[in-house]
Amino acid sequence: MRLFRLRLIRAARGKWAVPALFVGSFIDSTIFPWPVALPLAAQMLRGRRYVFPAAAAAALGSILGGLLVYTLARLAFDTIAPMIVDDSGAAATLSDARARIETGGAVAVFAAMLTPVPVQLTSLAAGLAGVGGMWFALAITLGRGLRYFAMGLVLYAVGDRIVAGWLWLPRWGRWLLIAFFAALFVWLIAVSL
């Protein structure tokens, strides 16, 4: 276990830490939701010069992953919709509904990007609902950028105090705090589903 921990520490401090955040965030937004904020915070807490490159890598990975899922969902809908809708009246109704969702849906996408709702679910729903591509790209860029850069600003401002407080805690206090945040994360995921 100690060897594994030392390897993780070495990897987090190596030259591949920021690219790994990009890949991890892309995976989080496409295939497998996982708590990417934890390694992101760890990278940011290394010092002020690491904060914004880490935030940019995580945001870019998340945005590109979300755009991929959205595009695949949009293509799937555009392929399947003509087979489902066979008359012109229903096609016009569907087209009308998609036009309304196109702009209004982008606001919902933006709001969801700030919450613990998995990015791939929001991207999939936006693609299937017909949210416009430019609106979706704007909403995901603003939402994920705001989320990661706000975290970066907080850790830039008080990160050194957080590290000092962590080091001040006794070992049992650290474990208690880790358990609390793990339970909070599980609860937030359960509530958002």
Protein backbone atom coordinates (compact mmCIF):
# COMPACT_ATOMS: atom_id res chain seq x y z
CA MET A 1 0.00 0.00 0.00
CA ARG A 2 2.81 2.38 0.82
CA LEU A 3 4.48 1.73 -2.55
CA PHE A 4 1.19 2.48 -4.33
CA ARG A 5 0.81 5.70 -2.35
CA LEU A 6 4.35 6.79 -3.18
CA ARG A 7 3.75 6.12 -6.88
CA LEU A 8 0.58 8.21 -6.80
CA ILE A 9 2.43 11.07 -5.11
CA ARG A 10 5.23 10.87 -7.67
CA ALA A 11 2.73 10.82 -10.55
CA ALA A 12 0.83 13.80 -9.14
CA ARG A 13 4.03 15.81 -8.95
CA GLY A 14 5.40 14.67 -12.29
CA LYS A 15 5.30 16.34 -15.67
CA TRP A 16 2.21 14.31 -16.64
CA ALA A 17 -0.03 15.54 -13.81
CA VAL A 18 -1.81 18.25 -15.81
CA PRO A 19 -2.26 16.10 -18.96
CA ALA A 20 -3.59 13.34 -16.69
CA LEU A 21 -6.17 15.81 -15.32
CA PHE A 22 -7.24 16.56 -18.89
CA VAL A 23 -7.63 12.85 -19.71
CA GLY A 24 -9.33 12.14 -16.38
CA SER A 25 -11.78 14.98 -16.92
CA PHE A 26 -12.49 13.81 -20.48
CA ILE A 27 -13.18 10.29 -19.19
CA ASP A 28 -15.39 11.75 -16.44
CA SER A 29 -17.43 13.58 -19.07
CA THR A 30 -17.79 10.68 -21.49
CA ILE A 31 -17.46 7.15 -20.20
CA PHE A 32 -17.18 6.91 -16.44
CA PRO A 33 -18.21 9.56 -13.88
CA TRP A 34 -15.70 9.74 -11.08
CA PRO A 35 -14.70 12.46 -8.59
CA VAL A 36 -12.22 14.36 -10.80
CA ALA A 37 -12.39 17.27 -8.33
CA LEU A 38 -10.28 15.30 -5.85
CA PRO A 39 -7.10 15.01 -7.94
CA LEU A 40 -7.81 18.49 -9.30
CA ALA A 41 -7.86 19.94 -5.78
CA ALA A 42 -4.73 17.99 -4.88
CA GLN A 43 -2.93 19.46 -7.89
CA MET A 44 -4.17 22.96 -7.08
CA LEU A 45 -3.09 22.67 -3.45
CA ARG A 46 0.51 22.08 -4.55
CA GLY A 47 0.91 25.83 -4.90
CA ARG A 48 -0.45 28.90 -6.62
CA ARG A 49 1.42 28.33 -9.88
CA TYR A 50 -0.38 24.99 -10.34
CA VAL A 51 -3.92 26.29 -9.83
CA PHE A 52 -4.89 27.74 -13.20
CA PRO A 53 -3.11 25.25 -15.49
CA ALA A 54 -4.91 22.46 -13.58
CA ALA A 55 -8.27 24.28 -13.82
CA ALA A 56 -7.78 24.86 -17.56
CA ALA A 57 -6.86 21.21 -18.21
CA ALA A 58 -9.85 19.89 -16.26
CA ALA A 59 -12.25 22.36 -17.88
CA LEU A 60 -11.00 21.64 -21.40
CA GLY A 61 -11.20 17.86 -20.90
CA SER A 62 -14.72 18.15 -19.54
CA ILE A 63 -15.87 20.48 -22.32
CA LEU A 64 -14.47 18.29 -25.10
CA GLY A 65 -15.91 15.14 -23.52
CA GLY A 66 -19.32 16.75 -23.17
CA LEU A 67 -19.22 17.97 -26.76
CA LEU A 68 -18.42 14.45 -27.95
CA VAL A 69 -21.37 12.92 -26.06
CA TYR A 70 -23.66 15.73 -27.24
CA THR A 71 -22.61 15.22 -30.87
CA LEU A 72 -23.17 11.47 -30.70
CA ALA A 73 -26.61 11.98 -29.12
CA ARG A 74 -27.53 14.61 -31.69
CA LEU A 75 -26.47 12.31 -34.56
CA ALA A 76 -28.42 9.44 -33.04
CA PHE A 77 -31.55 11.58 -32.71
CA ASP A 78 -31.26 12.94 -36.25
CA THR A 79 -30.91 9.37 -37.55
CA ILE A 80 -33.76 7.87 -35.53
CA ALA A 81 -36.31 10.73 -35.58
CA PRO A 82 -37.31 10.34 -39.26
CA MET A 83 -38.07 6.66 -38.64
CA ILE A 84 -40.26 7.45 -35.63
CA VAL A 85 -42.14 10.39 -37.13
CA ASP A 86 -43.82 9.33 -40.34
CA ASP A 87 -46.29 12.13 -41.09
CA SER A 88 -45.63 15.78 -41.84
CA GLY A 89 -47.84 17.09 -38.99
CA ALA A 90 -45.87 15.18 -36.37
CA ALA A 91 -42.59 16.22 -38.00
CA ALA A 92 -43.65 19.88 -37.81
CA THR A 93 -44.62 19.49 -34.13
CA LEU A 94 -41.29 17.84 -33.35
CA SER A 95 -39.42 20.57 -35.23
CA ASP A 96 -41.37 23.23 -33.30
CA ALA A 97 -40.57 21.61 -29.94
CA ARG A 98 -36.88 21.32 -30.81
CA ALA A 99 -36.77 25.01 -31.77
CA ARG A 100 -38.15 25.98 -28.33
CA ILE A 101 -35.72 23.68 -26.53
CA GLU A 102 -32.79 24.95 -28.57
CA THR A 103 -32.35 28.21 -26.66
CA GLY A 104 -34.22 27.50 -23.41
CA GLY A 105 -32.40 24.20 -23.00
CA ALA A 106 -29.02 25.90 -23.04
CA VAL A 107 -29.85 27.65 -19.75
CA ALA A 108 -30.65 24.28 -18.18
CA VAL A 109 -27.39 22.86 -19.56
CA PHE A 110 -25.46 25.77 -18.03
CA ALA A 111 -27.12 25.26 -14.64
CA ALA A 112 -26.52 21.50 -14.72
CA MET A 113 -22.82 22.03 -15.48
CA LEU A 114 -22.47 23.74 -12.10
CA THR A 115 -24.00 20.85 -10.15
CA PRO A 116 -22.84 17.30 -9.38
CA VAL A 117 -25.12 15.94 -12.14
CA PRO A 118 -22.86 13.83 -14.39
CA VAL A 119 -21.79 15.79 -17.47
CA GLN A 120 -22.44 12.89 -19.83
CA LEU A 121 -26.10 12.70 -18.75
CA THR A 122 -26.62 16.41 -19.35
CA SER A 123 -24.80 16.25 -22.69
CA LEU A 124 -26.79 13.20 -23.76
CA ALA A 125 -30.10 14.81 -22.78
CA ALA A 126 -29.19 18.05 -24.56
CA GLY A 127 -28.27 16.19 -27.74
CA LEU A 128 -31.44 14.12 -27.70
CA ALA A 129 -33.59 17.15 -26.87
CA GLY A 130 -32.17 19.07 -29.80
CA VAL A 131 -30.42 21.91 -27.98
CA GLY A 132 -28.59 23.90 -30.67
CA GLY A 133 -24.93 23.10 -31.12
CA MET A 134 -23.65 26.65 -30.60
CA TRP A 135 -25.92 27.16 -27.57
CA PHE A 136 -24.76 23.87 -26.08
CA ALA A 137 -21.08 24.69 -26.70
CA LEU A 138 -21.52 28.08 -25.04
CA ALA A 139 -23.43 26.62 -22.08
CA ILE A 140 -20.94 23.82 -21.40
CA THR A 141 -17.92 26.13 -21.83
CA LEU A 142 -19.32 28.73 -19.44
CA GLY A 143 -20.64 26.16 -16.96
CA ARG A 144 -17.56 23.95 -16.71
CA GLY A 145 -15.20 26.91 -16.93
CA LEU A 146 -17.02 28.68 -14.12
CA ARG A 147 -17.07 25.53 -12.01
CA TYR A 148 -13.35 24.73 -12.29
CA PHE A 149 -12.04 28.29 -12.32
CA ALA A 150 -14.18 29.25 -9.29
CA MET A 151 -12.64 26.29 -7.48
CA GLY A 152 -9.25 27.55 -8.66
CA LEU A 153 -9.89 31.06 -7.36
CA VAL A 154 -10.88 29.76 -3.94
CA LEU A 155 -7.83 27.51 -3.70
CA TYR A 156 -5.58 30.27 -5.04
CA ALA A 157 -6.82 32.58 -2.29
CA VAL A 158 -6.90 30.18 0.69
CA GLY A 159 -5.10 27.02 -0.48
CA ASP A 160 -2.05 27.62 1.69
CA ARG A 161 -4.29 27.95 4.77
CA ILE A 162 -6.12 24.75 3.86
CA VAL A 163 -2.81 22.87 3.62
CA ALA A 164 -1.63 24.34 6.92
CA GLY A 165 -4.92 23.35 8.59
CA TRP A 166 -4.67 19.83 7.16
CA LEU A 167 -1.14 19.42 8.51
CA TRP A 168 -2.26 20.74 11.90
CA LEU A 169 -4.99 18.07 12.23
CA PRO A 170 -4.14 14.82 14.04
CA ARG A 171 -4.24 11.66 11.93
CA TRP A 172 -7.67 10.60 13.24
CA GLY A 173 -9.02 14.07 12.40
CA ARG A 174 -7.80 13.74 8.82
CA TRP A 175 -9.51 10.37 8.46
CA LEU A 176 -12.71 11.77 9.93
CA LEU A 177 -12.64 14.68 7.47
CA ILE A 178 -11.99 12.32 4.53
CA ALA A 179 -14.91 10.11 5.62
CA PHE A 180 -17.17 13.17 5.90
CA PHE A 181 -16.38 14.38 2.38
CA ALA A 182 -16.68 10.86 0.93
CA ALA A 183 -20.14 10.53 2.51
CA LEU A 184 -21.08 14.00 1.24
CA PHE A 185 -19.98 13.04 -2.29
CA VAL A 186 -22.01 9.82 -2.23
CA TRP A 187 -25.04 11.69 -0.88
CA LEU A 188 -24.78 14.38 -3.61
CA ILE A 189 -24.59 11.73 -6.33
CA ALA A 190 -27.58 9.86 -4.84
CA VAL A 191 -29.64 13.06 -4.62
CA SER A 192 -28.80 14.13 -8.19
CA LEU A 193 -29.89 10.80 -9.71
